[in-house]
Amino acid sequence: MCTYMNNLFIVGSMNIDLIFSAKRIPKVGETMQSDSFDMLSGGKGANQAVASALLNTSSYMIGNVGDDLFGKIILDELKNRMVITDYINVSKKTSSGVACILLSDEDNRIILDQGANAKTSFSQVNKVLSKIAKKNDVFLAQLEVPVETVKKSLEKAKNLGLKTILNPAPAQVLPEEIYKYVDIIIPNEIEAEMITGINSNSIHFNKHVVDYFINKGVKEVIITRGCNGSVYGDSHGLIMIRPFKVKVVDTTGAGDAFVGAIASKVASGSSVKESLTFATAASALAVTKFGAQASMPNLKDIEDFLSRKLE
């Protein structure tokens, strides 16, 4: 078993996903029975915290839940999956984040209430980092909490000597000054196109996206491409990472498994380049099971998978 010397701090969202599945979406004004219902813990921050914690990384989740049943479920799920929850605030004034997801054979609809996630503040993050963060720890954020909180937190982490990772999801216009605080950025193709304005169908899309972020101060870029693998880029050029072939059950947790695995390996002292095959295996295993957090593989799962695939 590997010993991880550096901590990982994750600032992000924690939700409960209420998932209704049916053959079709109800018409306006129509009430209908679902074929199935699932209630699962979600949120990109929580998913990535679980993904890294299951890989034996000391993963500190920073964020907010409500003082309600959903908040209790979220905390219990995180604790059961080895995430350190000491710095999650429980708000008595705001409910936990909830996503209501309608799935059908041909479509899906999602309505989301951010709830307590919208209350995640820089002062909250600052207290944690100032108290326990050390040089070469890793800081990871997404964009499901206020962007201003993310920007200031990245700046604080960078100034403390932490390695910083941004998963810019969901995609949105970012403050120009945020990039100089980001060591590693990990968008998917859609997010990369929306943020940069570069057409994803263009021949040199990957190179142009990497150049865009590098020119703004980011050191390393990973573009995730679903079933087409991923692309790594830095100031020296590009590397294409091929996917592993597996039987796909549910792709929900793939991206978060990949990001969590990269963060975990970087926290262990590996370079990003050295982490790419490992993270690709993590995302491949995640799509073989239903759900997000429930699909995240542990370290042995990935090591066994790689020994079979690479032998």
C-alpha atoms as a PDB file:
ATOM      1  CA  MET A   1       0.000   0.000   0.000  1.00  0.00           C
ATOM      2  CA  CYS A   2       1.290   3.475  -0.872  1.00  0.00           C
ATOM      3  CA  THR A   3       1.884   6.038   1.837  1.00  0.00           C
ATOM      4  CA  TYR A   4       0.690   9.503   0.923  1.00  0.00           C
ATOM      5  CA  MET A   5       2.615  12.299   2.638  1.00  0.00           C
ATOM      6  CA  ASN A   6       0.628  15.239   1.257  1.00  0.00           C
ATOM      7  CA  ASN A   7      -2.950  16.225   1.991  1.00  0.00           C
ATOM      8  CA  LEU A   8      -5.628  16.991  -0.582  1.00  0.00           C
ATOM      9  CA  PHE A   9      -8.120  19.791   0.050  1.00  0.00           C
ATOM     10  CA  ILE A  10     -11.315  19.770  -2.021  1.00  0.00           C
ATOM     11  CA  VAL A  11     -13.595  22.799  -2.172  1.00  0.00           C
ATOM     12  CA  GLY A  12     -16.839  22.033  -3.937  1.00  0.00           C
ATOM     13  CA  SER A  13     -20.447  20.969  -3.975  1.00  0.00           C
ATOM     14  CA  MET A  14     -22.297  18.263  -2.093  1.00  0.00           C
ATOM     15  CA  ASN A  15     -25.782  17.277  -3.235  1.00  0.00           C
ATOM     16  CA  ILE A  16     -28.449  14.659  -2.935  1.00  0.00           C
ATOM     17  CA  ASP A  17     -29.576  13.433  -6.360  1.00  0.00           C
ATOM     18  CA  LEU A  18     -33.220  12.356  -6.623  1.00  0.00           C
ATOM     19  CA  ILE A  19     -33.357  10.246  -9.784  1.00  0.00           C
ATOM     20  CA  PHE A  20     -36.644   9.259 -11.443  1.00  0.00           C
ATOM     21  CA  SER A  21     -36.466   6.892 -14.427  1.00  0.00           C
ATOM     22  CA  ALA A  22     -39.300   6.381 -16.914  1.00  0.00           C
ATOM     23  CA  LYS A  23     -39.826   5.476 -20.560  1.00  0.00           C
ATOM     24  CA  ARG A  24     -40.618   9.109 -21.354  1.00  0.00           C
ATOM     25  CA  ILE A  25     -40.702  12.576 -19.802  1.00  0.00           C
ATOM     26  CA  PRO A  26     -44.168  13.705 -18.573  1.00  0.00           C
ATOM     27  CA  LYS A  27     -46.036  16.191 -20.737  1.00  0.00           C
ATOM     28  CA  VAL A  28     -46.953  19.624 -19.373  1.00  0.00           C
ATOM     29  CA  GLY A  29     -49.598  19.179 -16.665  1.00  0.00           C
ATOM     30  CA  GLU A  30     -49.275  15.382 -16.676  1.00  0.00           C
ATOM     31  CA  THR A  31     -48.704  13.171 -13.623  1.00  0.00           C
ATOM     32  CA  MET A  32     -47.230   9.741 -14.248  1.00  0.00           C
ATOM     33  CA  GLN A  33     -45.561   6.885 -12.397  1.00  0.00           C
ATOM     34  CA  SER A  34     -41.810   6.391 -12.666  1.00  0.00           C
ATOM     35  CA  ASP A  35     -40.307   3.001 -13.447  1.00  0.00           C
ATOM     36  CA  SER A  36     -37.684   3.386 -10.721  1.00  0.00           C
ATOM     37  CA  PHE A  37     -36.352   5.839  -8.160  1.00  0.00           C
ATOM     38  CA  ASP A  38     -32.893   6.273  -6.653  1.00  0.00           C
ATOM     39  CA  MET A  39     -31.562   8.682  -4.040  1.00  0.00           C
ATOM     40  CA  LEU A  40     -27.788   9.076  -4.268  1.00  0.00           C
ATOM     41  CA  SER A  41     -25.146  11.397  -2.868  1.00  0.00           C
ATOM     42  CA  GLY A  42     -23.575  13.576  -5.535  1.00  0.00           C
ATOM     43  CA  GLY A  43     -22.002  16.918  -6.326  1.00  0.00           C
ATOM     44  CA  LYS A  44     -18.686  17.219  -8.151  1.00  0.00           C
ATOM     45  CA  GLY A  45     -16.771  18.200  -5.047  1.00  0.00           C
ATOM     46  CA  ALA A  46     -18.062  15.271  -3.028  1.00  0.00           C
ATOM     47  CA  ASN A  47     -17.587  12.823  -5.905  1.00  0.00           C
ATOM     48  CA  GLN A  48     -13.964  13.844  -6.409  1.00  0.00           C
ATOM     49  CA  ALA A  49     -13.300  13.728  -2.670  1.00  0.00           C
ATOM     50  CA  VAL A  50     -14.596  10.151  -2.558  1.00  0.00           C
ATOM     51  CA  ALA A  51     -12.581   9.197  -5.643  1.00  0.00           C
ATOM     52  CA  SER A  52      -9.351  10.390  -4.038  1.00  0.00           C
ATOM     53  CA  ALA A  53     -10.081   9.124  -0.513  1.00  0.00           C
ATOM     54  CA  LEU A  54     -10.640   5.588  -1.808  1.00  0.00           C
ATOM     55  CA  LEU A  55      -7.102   5.778  -3.202  1.00  0.00           C
ATOM     56  CA  ASN A  56      -5.703   6.228   0.319  1.00  0.00           C
ATOM     57  CA  THR A  57      -5.297   9.995   0.064  1.00  0.00           C
ATOM     58  CA  SER A  58      -5.985  12.192   3.104  1.00  0.00           C
ATOM     59  CA  SER A  59      -8.892  14.034   1.468  1.00  0.00           C
ATOM     60  CA  TYR A  60     -10.357  17.036   3.298  1.00  0.00           C
ATOM     61  CA  MET A  61     -13.759  18.151   2.015  1.00  0.00           C
ATOM     62  CA  ILE A  62     -14.554  21.846   2.511  1.00  0.00           C
ATOM     63  CA  GLY A  63     -18.091  23.057   1.882  1.00  0.00           C
ATOM     64  CA  ASN A  64     -21.601  23.310   3.267  1.00  0.00           C
ATOM     65  CA  VAL A  65     -24.648  21.132   3.823  1.00  0.00           C
ATOM     66  CA  GLY A  66     -27.956  21.922   5.480  1.00  0.00           C
ATOM     67  CA  ASP A  67     -28.995  20.856   8.952  1.00  0.00           C
ATOM     68  CA  ASP A  68     -31.472  18.363   7.491  1.00  0.00           C
ATOM     69  CA  LEU A  69     -31.906  14.707   6.563  1.00  0.00           C
ATOM     70  CA  PHE A  70     -30.153  15.150   3.221  1.00  0.00           C
ATOM     71  CA  GLY A  71     -27.193  16.798   4.928  1.00  0.00           C
ATOM     72  CA  LYS A  72     -26.902  13.883   7.340  1.00  0.00           C
ATOM     73  CA  ILE A  73     -26.992  11.389   4.464  1.00  0.00           C
ATOM     74  CA  ILE A  74     -24.295  13.327   2.584  1.00  0.00           C
ATOM     75  CA  LEU A  75     -22.004  13.423   5.624  1.00  0.00           C
ATOM     76  CA  ASP A  76     -22.548   9.754   6.431  1.00  0.00           C
ATOM     77  CA  GLU A  77     -21.765   8.719   2.850  1.00  0.00           C
ATOM     78  CA  LEU A  78     -18.573  10.769   2.808  1.00  0.00           C
ATOM     79  CA  LYS A  79     -17.407   9.389   6.155  1.00  0.00           C
ATOM     80  CA  ASN A  80     -18.161   5.829   5.061  1.00  0.00           C
ATOM     81  CA  ARG A  81     -15.940   6.394   2.029  1.00  0.00           C
ATOM     82  CA  MET A  82     -13.003   7.704   4.086  1.00  0.00           C
ATOM     83  CA  VAL A  83     -13.388  11.432   3.311  1.00  0.00           C
ATOM     84  CA  ILE A  84     -12.358  13.761   6.162  1.00  0.00           C
ATOM     85  CA  THR A  85     -15.475  15.814   6.955  1.00  0.00           C
ATOM     86  CA  ASP A  86     -14.215  17.923   9.884  1.00  0.00           C
ATOM     87  CA  TYR A  87     -14.363  21.130   7.840  1.00  0.00           C
ATOM     88  CA  ILE A  88     -17.839  20.782   6.356  1.00  0.00           C
ATOM     89  CA  ASN A  89     -20.177  23.400   7.808  1.00  0.00           C
ATOM     90  CA  VAL A  90     -23.735  22.399   8.718  1.00  0.00           C
ATOM     91  CA  SER A  91     -26.043  25.355   8.093  1.00  0.00           C
ATOM     92  CA  LYS A  92     -29.197  25.785  10.149  1.00  0.00           C
ATOM     93  CA  LYS A  93     -30.469  28.517   7.817  1.00  0.00           C
ATOM     94  CA  THR A  94     -30.083  26.832   4.419  1.00  0.00           C
ATOM     95  CA  SER A  95     -31.126  23.424   3.110  1.00  0.00           C
ATOM     96  CA  SER A  96     -28.729  20.953   1.517  1.00  0.00           C
ATOM     97  CA  GLY A  97     -28.169  21.033  -2.238  1.00  0.00           C
ATOM     98  CA  VAL A  98     -30.637  18.875  -4.174  1.00  0.00           C
ATOM     99  CA  ALA A  99     -30.851  17.798  -7.816  1.00  0.00           C
ATOM    100  CA  CYS A 100     -34.064  16.321  -9.212  1.00  0.00           C
ATOM    101  CA  ILE A 101     -33.205  14.253 -12.285  1.00  0.00           C
ATOM    102  CA  LEU A 102     -35.766  12.874 -14.740  1.00  0.00           C
ATOM    103  CA  LEU A 103     -34.332  10.141 -16.956  1.00  0.00           C
ATOM    104  CA  SER A 104     -36.078   8.622 -19.966  1.00  0.00           C
ATOM    105  CA  ASP A 105     -35.039   6.434 -22.874  1.00  0.00           C
ATOM    106  CA  GLU A 106     -34.551   9.448 -25.142  1.00  0.00           C
ATOM    107  CA  ASP A 107     -34.083  12.471 -22.888  1.00  0.00           C
ATOM    108  CA  ASN A 108     -33.320  13.785 -19.438  1.00  0.00           C
ATOM    109  CA  ARG A 109     -34.229  16.874 -17.437  1.00  0.00           C
ATOM    110  CA  ILE A 110     -32.472  18.209 -14.350  1.00  0.00           C
ATOM    111  CA  ILE A 111     -33.515  20.923 -11.923  1.00  0.00           C
ATOM    112  CA  LEU A 112     -31.045  21.868  -9.215  1.00  0.00           C
ATOM    113  CA  ASP A 113     -31.180  23.874  -6.019  1.00  0.00           C
ATOM    114  CA  GLN A 114     -27.691  24.827  -4.830  1.00  0.00           C
ATOM    115  CA  GLY A 115     -28.859  25.202  -1.260  1.00  0.00           C
ATOM    116  CA  ALA A 116     -25.984  25.400   1.207  1.00  0.00           C
ATOM    117  CA  ASN A 117     -23.384  25.043  -1.578  1.00  0.00           C
ATOM    118  CA  ALA A 118     -24.020  28.674  -2.523  1.00  0.00           C
ATOM    119  CA  LYS A 119     -22.904  29.709   0.972  1.00  0.00           C
ATOM    120  CA  THR A 120     -19.390  28.277   0.621  1.00  0.00           C
ATOM    121  CA  SER A 121     -17.131  31.255   1.342  1.00  0.00           C
ATOM    122  CA  PHE A 122     -13.466  32.135   1.060  1.00  0.00           C
ATOM    123  CA  SER A 123     -13.293  32.876   4.789  1.00  0.00           C
ATOM    124  CA  GLN A 124     -14.324  29.276   5.432  1.00  0.00           C
ATOM    125  CA  VAL A 125     -11.617  27.938   3.109  1.00  0.00           C
ATOM    126  CA  ASN A 126      -9.024  30.395   4.385  1.00  0.00           C
ATOM    127  CA  LYS A 127      -9.425  29.185   7.973  1.00  0.00           C
ATOM    128  CA  VAL A 128      -8.778  25.582   6.960  1.00  0.00           C
ATOM    129  CA  LEU A 129      -5.804  26.236   4.684  1.00  0.00           C
ATOM    130  CA  SER A 130      -4.204  28.650   7.146  1.00  0.00           C
ATOM    131  CA  LYS A 131      -4.565  26.091   9.925  1.00  0.00           C
ATOM    132  CA  ILE A 132      -3.366  22.818   8.407  1.00  0.00           C
ATOM    133  CA  ALA A 133      -2.167  23.191   4.795  1.00  0.00           C
ATOM    134  CA  LYS A 134       1.535  22.850   4.044  1.00  0.00           C
ATOM    135  CA  LYS A 135       3.772  23.260   1.016  1.00  0.00           C
ATOM    136  CA  ASN A 136       3.242  20.593  -1.675  1.00  0.00           C
ATOM    137  CA  ASP A 137      -0.226  19.680  -0.436  1.00  0.00           C
ATOM    138  CA  VAL A 138      -2.809  19.725  -3.238  1.00  0.00           C
ATOM    139  CA  PHE A 139      -5.847  21.984  -3.649  1.00  0.00           C
ATOM    140  CA  LEU A 140      -8.733  20.975  -5.931  1.00  0.00           C
ATOM    141  CA  ALA A 141     -11.801  22.996  -6.914  1.00  0.00           C
ATOM    142  CA  GLN A 142     -14.682  22.935  -9.384  1.00  0.00           C
ATOM    143  CA  LEU A 143     -17.286  25.579 -10.288  1.00  0.00           C
ATOM    144  CA  GLU A 144     -20.393  24.389  -8.425  1.00  0.00           C
ATOM    145  CA  VAL A 145     -19.700  26.841  -5.589  1.00  0.00           C
ATOM    146  CA  PRO A 146     -19.310  30.637  -6.013  1.00  0.00           C
ATOM    147  CA  VAL A 147     -16.580  31.525  -8.535  1.00  0.00           C
ATOM    148  CA  GLU A 148     -15.241  34.298  -6.311  1.00  0.00           C
ATOM    149  CA  THR A 149     -14.719  31.744  -3.540  1.00  0.00           C
ATOM    150  CA  VAL A 150     -12.869  29.488  -5.970  1.00  0.00           C
ATOM    151  CA  LYS A 151     -10.647  32.311  -7.255  1.00  0.00           C
ATOM    152  CA  LYS A 152      -9.624  33.567  -3.819  1.00  0.00           C
ATOM    153  CA  SER A 153      -9.118  30.009  -2.549  1.00  0.00           C
ATOM    154  CA  LEU A 154      -6.850  29.136  -5.477  1.00  0.00           C
ATOM    155  CA  GLU A 155      -4.846  32.299  -4.816  1.00  0.00           C
ATOM    156  CA  LYS A 156      -4.501  31.422  -1.119  1.00  0.00           C
ATOM    157  CA  ALA A 157      -3.479  27.845  -1.905  1.00  0.00           C
ATOM    158  CA  LYS A 158      -0.932  29.004  -4.473  1.00  0.00           C
ATOM    159  CA  ASN A 159       0.583  31.510  -2.051  1.00  0.00           C
ATOM    160  CA  LEU A 160       0.952  28.751   0.552  1.00  0.00           C
ATOM    161  CA  GLY A 161       2.879  26.594  -1.920  1.00  0.00           C
ATOM    162  CA  LEU A 162       0.130  24.082  -2.672  1.00  0.00           C
ATOM    163  CA  LYS A 163      -0.272  22.488  -6.090  1.00  0.00           C
ATOM    164  CA  THR A 164      -3.557  23.721  -7.518  1.00  0.00           C
ATOM    165  CA  ILE A 165      -6.029  21.890  -9.750  1.00  0.00           C
ATOM    166  CA  LEU A 166      -9.164  23.361 -11.333  1.00  0.00           C
ATOM    167  CA  ASN A 167     -11.904  21.264 -12.905  1.00  0.00           C
ATOM    168  CA  PRO A 168     -13.874  24.073 -14.631  1.00  0.00           C
ATOM    169  CA  ALA A 169     -17.276  22.421 -14.470  1.00  0.00           C
ATOM    170  CA  PRO A 170     -19.909  23.506 -15.131  1.00  0.00           C
ATOM    171  CA  ALA A 171     -18.311  25.723 -17.773  1.00  0.00           C
ATOM    172  CA  GLN A 172     -18.669  29.469 -17.355  1.00  0.00           C
ATOM    173  CA  VAL A 173     -16.801  32.669 -18.055  1.00  0.00           C
ATOM    174  CA  LEU A 174     -13.901  32.878 -15.615  1.00  0.00           C
ATOM    175  CA  PRO A 175     -12.088  35.935 -14.244  1.00  0.00           C
ATOM    176  CA  GLU A 176      -8.879  36.447 -16.238  1.00  0.00           C
ATOM    177  CA  GLU A 177      -6.774  36.593 -13.085  1.00  0.00           C
ATOM    178  CA  ILE A 178      -7.830  33.102 -11.956  1.00  0.00           C
ATOM    179  CA  TYR A 179      -5.521  31.283 -14.370  1.00  0.00           C
ATOM    180  CA  LYS A 180      -2.254  32.443 -12.801  1.00  0.00           C
ATOM    181  CA  TYR A 181      -3.254  30.556  -9.651  1.00  0.00           C
ATOM    182  CA  VAL A 182      -3.920  27.274 -11.487  1.00  0.00           C
ATOM    183  CA  ASP A 183      -1.183  24.683 -12.001  1.00  0.00           C
ATOM    184  CA  ILE A 184      -3.375  22.030 -13.658  1.00  0.00           C
ATOM    185  CA  ILE A 185      -6.707  22.569 -15.424  1.00  0.00           C
ATOM    186  CA  ILE A 186      -8.922  19.614 -16.395  1.00  0.00           C
ATOM    187  CA  PRO A 187     -11.903  20.487 -18.638  1.00  0.00           C
ATOM    188  CA  ASN A 188     -13.807  18.111 -20.863  1.00  0.00           C
ATOM    189  CA  GLU A 189     -14.188  18.939 -24.567  1.00  0.00           C
ATOM    190  CA  ILE A 190     -17.475  20.806 -24.114  1.00  0.00           C
ATOM    191  CA  GLU A 191     -16.134  22.867 -21.224  1.00  0.00           C
ATOM    192  CA  ALA A 192     -12.926  23.611 -23.131  1.00  0.00           C
ATOM    193  CA  GLU A 193     -14.934  24.857 -26.126  1.00  0.00           C
ATOM    194  CA  MET A 194     -17.264  27.001 -24.007  1.00  0.00           C
ATOM    195  CA  ILE A 195     -14.465  28.613 -22.002  1.00  0.00           C
ATOM    196  CA  THR A 196     -12.029  29.231 -24.877  1.00  0.00           C
ATOM    197  CA  GLY A 197     -14.475  29.836 -27.718  1.00  0.00           C
ATOM    198  CA  ILE A 198     -12.492  27.408 -29.888  1.00  0.00           C
ATOM    199  CA  ASN A 199     -14.635  25.156 -32.102  1.00  0.00           C
ATOM    200  CA  SER A 200     -14.248  21.547 -30.952  1.00  0.00           C
ATOM    201  CA  ASN A 201     -14.601  20.383 -34.569  1.00  0.00           C
ATOM    202  CA  SER A 202     -11.524  22.302 -35.677  1.00  0.00           C
ATOM    203  CA  ILE A 203      -8.552  20.192 -36.781  1.00  0.00           C
ATOM    204  CA  HIS A 204      -6.133  21.599 -34.216  1.00  0.00           C
ATOM    205  CA  PHE A 205      -8.655  21.974 -31.379  1.00  0.00           C
ATOM    206  CA  ASN A 206      -6.550  20.227 -28.726  1.00  0.00           C
ATOM    207  CA  LYS A 207      -3.402  22.234 -29.480  1.00  0.00           C
ATOM    208  CA  HIS A 208      -5.284  25.529 -29.567  1.00  0.00           C
ATOM    209  CA  VAL A 209      -7.008  24.801 -26.238  1.00  0.00           C
ATOM    210  CA  VAL A 210      -3.741  23.849 -24.564  1.00  0.00           C
ATOM    211  CA  ASP A 211      -2.046  26.969 -25.957  1.00  0.00           C
ATOM    212  CA  TYR A 212      -4.972  29.106 -24.733  1.00  0.00           C
ATOM    213  CA  PHE A 213      -4.583  27.977 -21.131  1.00  0.00           C
ATOM    214  CA  ILE A 214      -0.765  27.883 -21.154  1.00  0.00           C
ATOM    215  CA  ASN A 215      -0.659  31.456 -22.464  1.00  0.00           C
ATOM    216  CA  LYS A 216      -2.842  32.521 -19.536  1.00  0.00           C
ATOM    217  CA  GLY A 217      -0.459  31.049 -16.986  1.00  0.00           C
ATOM    218  CA  VAL A 218      -1.675  27.476 -16.454  1.00  0.00           C
ATOM    219  CA  LYS A 219       1.211  24.989 -16.361  1.00  0.00           C
ATOM    220  CA  GLU A 220      -0.504  21.749 -17.448  1.00  0.00           C
ATOM    221  CA  VAL A 221      -3.750  20.968 -19.266  1.00  0.00           C
ATOM    222  CA  ILE A 222      -5.755  17.750 -19.519  1.00  0.00           C
ATOM    223  CA  ILE A 223      -8.741  17.649 -21.883  1.00  0.00           C
ATOM    224  CA  THR A 224     -10.964  14.668 -21.121  1.00  0.00           C
ATOM    225  CA  ARG A 225     -12.712  13.214 -24.181  1.00  0.00           C
ATOM    226  CA  GLY A 226     -15.024  10.508 -22.835  1.00  0.00           C
ATOM    227  CA  CYS A 227     -14.764   7.276 -24.799  1.00  0.00           C
ATOM    228  CA  ASN A 228     -11.964   8.833 -26.876  1.00  0.00           C
ATOM    229  CA  GLY A 229      -9.547   9.069 -23.962  1.00  0.00           C
ATOM    230  CA  SER A 230      -7.832  12.330 -23.067  1.00  0.00           C
ATOM    231  CA  VAL A 231      -5.184  14.799 -24.191  1.00  0.00           C
ATOM    232  CA  TYR A 232      -2.369  16.100 -22.002  1.00  0.00           C
ATOM    233  CA  GLY A 233      -0.554  19.282 -22.891  1.00  0.00           C
ATOM    234  CA  ASP A 234       2.084  21.615 -21.500  1.00  0.00           C
ATOM    235  CA  SER A 235       4.557  24.117 -22.935  1.00  0.00           C
ATOM    236  CA  HIS A 236       6.477  21.249 -24.574  1.00  0.00           C
ATOM    237  CA  GLY A 237       3.639  19.685 -26.589  1.00  0.00           C
ATOM    238  CA  LEU A 238       0.756  17.210 -26.511  1.00  0.00           C
ATOM    239  CA  ILE A 239       0.304  13.579 -25.473  1.00  0.00           C
ATOM    240  CA  MET A 240      -2.742  11.513 -26.503  1.00  0.00           C
ATOM    241  CA  ILE A 241      -3.982   9.032 -23.890  1.00  0.00           C
ATOM    242  CA  ARG A 242      -6.006   6.132 -25.242  1.00  0.00           C
ATOM    243  CA  PRO A 243      -9.016   4.821 -23.290  1.00  0.00           C
ATOM    244  CA  PHE A 244      -9.420   1.304 -21.931  1.00  0.00           C
ATOM    245  CA  LYS A 245     -12.213  -0.765 -23.456  1.00  0.00           C
ATOM    246  CA  VAL A 246     -14.835  -1.786 -20.881  1.00  0.00           C
ATOM    247  CA  LYS A 247     -18.548  -2.564 -20.785  1.00  0.00           C
ATOM    248  CA  VAL A 248     -20.280   0.733 -20.031  1.00  0.00           C
ATOM    249  CA  VAL A 249     -23.102   0.733 -17.466  1.00  0.00           C
ATOM    250  CA  ASP A 250     -23.269   4.397 -16.403  1.00  0.00           C
ATOM    251  CA  THR A 251     -20.919   7.257 -17.333  1.00  0.00           C
ATOM    252  CA  THR A 252     -22.015   9.556 -14.487  1.00  0.00           C
ATOM    253  CA  GLY A 253     -18.905   9.188 -12.348  1.00  0.00           C
ATOM    254  CA  ALA A 254     -16.241   8.916 -15.060  1.00  0.00           C
ATOM    255  CA  GLY A 255     -15.024  12.502 -15.110  1.00  0.00           C
ATOM    256  CA  ASP A 256     -14.954  12.853 -11.337  1.00  0.00           C
ATOM    257  CA  ALA A 257     -13.124   9.528 -10.971  1.00  0.00           C
ATOM    258  CA  PHE A 258     -10.482  10.779 -13.417  1.00  0.00           C
ATOM    259  CA  VAL A 259     -10.010  14.133 -11.682  1.00  0.00           C
ATOM    260  CA  GLY A 260      -9.929  12.553  -8.221  1.00  0.00           C
ATOM    261  CA  ALA A 261      -7.321  10.037  -9.364  1.00  0.00           C
ATOM    262  CA  ILE A 262      -5.097  12.751 -10.866  1.00  0.00           C
ATOM    263  CA  ALA A 263      -5.306  14.755  -7.634  1.00  0.00           C
ATOM    264  CA  SER A 264      -4.528  11.662  -5.571  1.00  0.00           C
ATOM    265  CA  LYS A 265      -1.452  10.760  -7.604  1.00  0.00           C
ATOM    266  CA  VAL A 266      -0.154  14.335  -7.573  1.00  0.00           C
ATOM    267  CA  ALA A 267      -0.591  14.365  -3.786  1.00  0.00           C
ATOM    268  CA  SER A 268       1.495  11.183  -3.628  1.00  0.00           C
ATOM    269  CA  GLY A 269       4.362  12.887  -5.428  1.00  0.00           C
ATOM    270  CA  SER A 270       3.757  11.612  -8.963  1.00  0.00           C
ATOM    271  CA  SER A 271       3.932  13.938 -11.935  1.00  0.00           C
ATOM    272  CA  VAL A 272       0.777  14.582 -13.934  1.00  0.00           C
ATOM    273  CA  LYS A 273       2.233  12.668 -16.899  1.00  0.00           C
ATOM    274  CA  GLU A 274       2.917   9.665 -14.671  1.00  0.00           C
ATOM    275  CA  SER A 275      -0.684   9.803 -13.402  1.00  0.00           C
ATOM    276  CA  LEU A 276      -2.519   9.704 -16.728  1.00  0.00           C
ATOM    277  CA  THR A 277      -2.764   5.935 -17.258  1.00  0.00           C
ATOM    278  CA  PHE A 278      -3.777   5.428 -13.628  1.00  0.00           C
ATOM    279  CA  ALA A 279      -6.531   8.059 -13.878  1.00  0.00           C
ATOM    280  CA  THR A 280      -7.727   6.604 -17.185  1.00  0.00           C
ATOM    281  CA  ALA A 281      -8.097   3.232 -15.471  1.00  0.00           C
ATOM    282  CA  ALA A 282     -10.043   4.850 -12.619  1.00  0.00           C
ATOM    283  CA  SER A 283     -12.531   6.416 -15.036  1.00  0.00           C
ATOM    284  CA  ALA A 284     -12.843   3.159 -16.993  1.00  0.00           C
ATOM    285  CA  LEU A 285     -13.744   1.244 -13.842  1.00  0.00           C
ATOM    286  CA  ALA A 286     -16.208   3.955 -12.775  1.00  0.00           C
ATOM    287  CA  VAL A 287     -18.353   3.492 -15.893  1.00  0.00           C
ATOM    288  CA  THR A 288     -18.792  -0.232 -15.201  1.00  0.00           C
ATOM    289  CA  LYS A 289     -21.078   0.491 -12.214  1.00  0.00           C
ATOM    290  CA  PHE A 290     -24.208   2.571 -11.603  1.00  0.00           C
ATOM    291  CA  GLY A 291     -23.988   5.903  -9.822  1.00  0.00           C
ATOM    292  CA  ALA A 292     -21.174   8.334  -9.113  1.00  0.00           C
ATOM    293  CA  GLN A 293     -19.764   7.819  -5.622  1.00  0.00           C
ATOM    294  CA  ALA A 294     -20.869   4.194  -5.570  1.00  0.00           C
ATOM    295  CA  SER A 295     -18.874   3.525  -8.742  1.00  0.00           C
ATOM    296  CA  MET A 296     -15.534   4.926  -7.583  1.00  0.00           C
ATOM    297  CA  PRO A 297     -12.786   2.258  -7.533  1.00  0.00           C
ATOM    298  CA  ASN A 298     -10.303   1.758  -4.719  1.00  0.00           C
ATOM    299  CA  LEU A 299      -6.546   1.440  -5.120  1.00  0.00           C
ATOM    300  CA  LYS A 300      -6.550  -2.350  -5.394  1.00  0.00           C
ATOM    301  CA  ASP A 301      -9.295  -2.233  -8.035  1.00  0.00           C
ATOM    302  CA  ILE A 302      -7.155   0.012 -10.217  1.00  0.00           C
ATOM    303  CA  GLU A 303      -3.918  -1.882  -9.653  1.00  0.00           C
ATOM    304  CA  ASP A 304      -5.598  -5.202 -10.511  1.00  0.00           C
ATOM    305  CA  PHE A 305      -7.232  -3.661 -13.595  1.00  0.00           C
ATOM    306  CA  LEU A 306      -3.934  -2.262 -14.846  1.00  0.00           C
ATOM    307  CA  SER A 307      -2.102  -5.527 -14.253  1.00  0.00           C
ATOM    308  CA  ARG A 308      -4.659  -7.284 -16.468  1.00  0.00           C
ATOM    309  CA  LYS A 309      -4.782  -4.627 -19.174  1.00  0.00           C
ATOM    310  CA  LEU A 310      -1.064  -3.939 -19.401  1.00  0.00           C
ATOM    311  CA  GLU A 311       0.321  -7.460 -19.019  1.00  0.00           C
END
